Amino acid sequence: MPQFKFRLATLLRLRELARDERRAELTQAYRAKDLLAEHQEAIERHLADLRQIARRVSAPGEIDVDRLMEARRFESVLLAQQDDLRQKQQMIDAEVERRRLALVEANREVQVLENLRRRQYDRHRAEENRREIHQLDEIAQQQAGRETRP
């Protein structure tokens, strides 16, 4: 009895490899998103520190104008970086979504082939069972014919 062989096994393997690549690409995009979020948090901490310094420097009494101006300039730089990070975040969010959709499509392509393989295997097993039953029937008929002979 022939063993089951899925004729599209190579294509299935290629599609599985493509799906794995899409998964790795999505993971990479999520890592980039996480790094950007960490950088954003660092900027927010720096801004909070600068604002606290500015409050202390501008407290009643002697005001250190140079230090206050330096804090404001650095705050402007940090705010510009924060705006840049927001733009990058939007781009990364779009890329994450694109890669997620590509992974969904790759999964669908693999599932289509896996379902086809399962259906072909089920048909193969049914055919094998039918052959076995046919052989057993023939053997039973032969034995019955031998038993009825004198």
Protein backbone atom coordinates (compact mmCIF):
# COMPACT_ATOMS: atom_id res chain seq x y z
CA MET A 1 0.00 0.00 0.00
CA PRO A 2 1.45 3.34 -1.01
CA GLN A 3 2.33 5.77 1.72
CA PHE A 4 0.67 9.21 1.68
CA LYS A 5 2.76 11.90 0.00
CA PHE A 6 1.54 15.49 -0.21
CA ARG A 7 2.54 16.74 -3.63
CA LEU A 8 2.61 20.37 -2.50
CA ALA A 9 4.86 19.72 0.52
CA THR A 10 7.64 21.89 -0.91
CA LEU A 11 5.25 24.79 -1.47
CA LEU A 12 3.90 24.34 2.05
CA ARG A 13 7.43 24.47 3.47
CA LEU A 14 8.20 27.63 1.45
CA ARG A 15 5.04 29.27 2.73
CA GLU A 16 5.92 28.28 6.30
CA LEU A 17 9.34 29.85 5.86
CA ALA A 18 7.75 33.02 4.47
CA ARG A 19 5.36 33.09 7.45
CA ASP A 20 8.28 32.72 9.85
CA GLU A 21 10.04 35.62 8.13
CA ARG A 22 6.91 37.79 8.45
CA ARG A 23 6.74 36.87 12.13
CA ALA A 24 10.39 37.87 12.64
CA GLU A 25 9.81 41.16 10.79
CA LEU A 26 6.82 41.94 13.00
CA THR A 27 8.85 41.14 16.11
CA GLN A 28 11.56 43.49 14.88
CA ALA A 29 9.00 46.28 14.36
CA TYR A 30 7.65 45.75 17.88
CA ARG A 31 11.21 46.00 19.25
CA ALA A 32 11.70 49.29 17.40
CA LYS A 33 8.41 50.53 18.85
CA ASP A 34 9.53 49.56 22.36
CA LEU A 35 12.89 51.32 21.93
CA LEU A 36 11.12 54.44 20.75
CA ALA A 37 8.81 54.31 23.78
CA GLU A 38 11.83 53.99 26.09
CA HIS A 39 13.44 56.97 24.42
CA GLN A 40 10.20 58.94 24.79
CA GLU A 41 10.07 58.12 28.50
CA ALA A 42 13.69 59.26 28.92
CA ILE A 43 12.88 62.59 27.26
CA GLU A 44 9.83 63.04 29.49
CA ARG A 45 12.01 62.41 32.57
CA HIS A 46 14.55 64.99 31.34
CA LEU A 47 11.76 67.50 30.73
CA ALA A 48 10.38 66.95 34.24
CA ASP A 49 13.88 67.44 35.69
CA LEU A 50 14.39 70.63 33.65
CA ARG A 51 11.07 72.06 34.78
CA GLN A 52 11.98 71.36 38.37
CA ILE A 53 15.36 73.06 37.89
CA ALA A 54 13.64 76.05 36.26
CA ARG A 55 11.28 76.36 39.23
CA ARG A 56 14.19 76.30 41.66
CA VAL A 57 16.25 78.79 39.66
CA SER A 58 13.34 81.23 39.29
CA ALA A 59 12.35 81.01 42.97
CA PRO A 60 12.21 84.27 44.96
CA GLY A 61 15.60 85.70 45.60
CA GLU A 62 18.60 85.81 43.32
CA ILE A 63 17.84 84.47 39.82
CA ASP A 64 20.53 82.71 37.79
CA VAL A 65 19.47 83.95 34.36
CA ASP A 66 22.18 82.03 32.50
CA ARG A 67 21.13 78.78 34.07
CA LEU A 68 17.46 79.52 33.39
CA MET A 69 18.22 80.30 29.71
CA GLU A 70 20.29 77.15 29.40
CA ALA A 71 17.43 75.08 30.85
CA ARG A 72 14.95 76.69 28.42
CA ARG A 73 17.24 76.00 25.42
CA PHE A 74 17.67 72.39 26.47
CA GLU A 75 13.91 72.13 26.99
CA SER A 76 13.39 73.38 23.43
CA VAL A 77 15.79 70.74 22.12
CA LEU A 78 14.00 68.04 24.09
CA LEU A 79 10.60 69.20 22.85
CA ALA A 80 11.85 69.08 19.26
CA GLN A 81 13.15 65.55 19.88
CA GLN A 82 9.81 64.64 21.38
CA ASP A 83 7.98 65.89 18.26
CA ASP A 84 10.40 63.92 16.09
CA LEU A 85 9.75 60.81 18.17
CA ARG A 86 5.98 61.26 17.76
CA GLN A 87 6.40 61.35 13.99
CA LYS A 88 8.61 58.27 14.09
CA GLN A 89 6.07 56.58 16.36
CA GLN A 90 3.34 57.16 13.77
CA MET A 91 5.56 55.72 11.04
CA ILE A 92 6.43 52.69 13.17
CA ASP A 93 2.77 52.16 14.07
CA ALA A 94 1.93 52.11 10.35
CA GLU A 95 4.80 49.70 9.70
CA VAL A 96 3.71 47.43 12.55
CA GLU A 97 0.22 47.31 11.09
CA ARG A 98 1.57 46.58 7.59
CA ARG A 99 3.76 43.78 8.92
CA ARG A 100 0.92 42.40 11.04
CA LEU A 101 -1.33 42.22 7.98
CA ALA A 102 1.47 40.52 6.02
CA LEU A 103 1.76 37.93 8.79
CA VAL A 104 -2.00 37.37 8.79
CA GLU A 105 -1.89 36.78 5.02
CA ALA A 106 1.10 34.43 5.34
CA ASN A 107 -0.73 32.46 8.06
CA ARG A 108 -3.78 32.21 5.82
CA GLU A 109 -1.68 30.86 2.93
CA VAL A 110 -0.15 28.20 5.17
CA GLN A 111 -3.55 27.23 6.58
CA VAL A 112 -4.99 26.82 3.08
CA LEU A 113 -2.25 24.32 2.20
CA GLU A 114 -2.51 22.55 5.55
CA ASN A 115 -6.27 22.13 5.04
CA LEU A 116 -5.64 20.79 1.55
CA ARG A 117 -3.06 18.34 2.92
CA ARG A 118 -5.50 17.21 5.62
CA ARG A 119 -8.29 16.65 3.09
CA GLN A 120 -5.96 14.71 0.76
CA TYR A 121 -4.71 12.62 3.67
CA ASP A 122 -8.29 11.84 4.72
CA ARG A 123 -9.10 10.77 1.15
CA HIS A 124 -5.95 8.64 1.05
CA ARG A 125 -6.90 6.93 4.34
CA ALA A 126 -10.45 6.31 3.09
CA GLU A 127 -9.07 4.78 -0.11
CA GLU A 128 -6.66 2.63 1.91
CA ASN A 129 -9.52 1.45 4.12
CA ARG A 130 -11.63 0.67 1.06
CA ARG A 131 -8.79 -1.40 -0.44
CA GLU A 132 -8.24 -3.29 2.80
CA ILE A 133 -11.95 -4.09 3.06
CA HIS A 134 -11.96 -5.24 -0.58
CA GLN A 135 -8.95 -7.51 0.05
CA LEU A 136 -10.52 -8.93 3.19
CA ASP A 137 -13.76 -9.60 1.27
CA GLU A 138 -11.82 -11.44 -1.42
CA ILE A 139 -9.99 -13.53 1.16
CA ALA A 140 -13.28 -14.32 2.90
CA GLN A 141 -14.88 -15.37 -0.40
CA GLN A 142 -11.91 -17.61 -1.23
CA GLN A 143 -12.07 -19.26 2.17
CA ALA A 144 -15.83 -19.66 1.90
CA GLY A 145 -15.36 -21.26 -1.53
CA ARG A 146 -12.79 -23.71 -0.10
CA GLU A 147 -15.04 -24.66 2.79
CA THR A 148 -17.99 -25.45 0.50
CA ARG A 149 -15.96 -27.79 -1.74
CA PRO A 150 -16.08 -31.46 -0.80
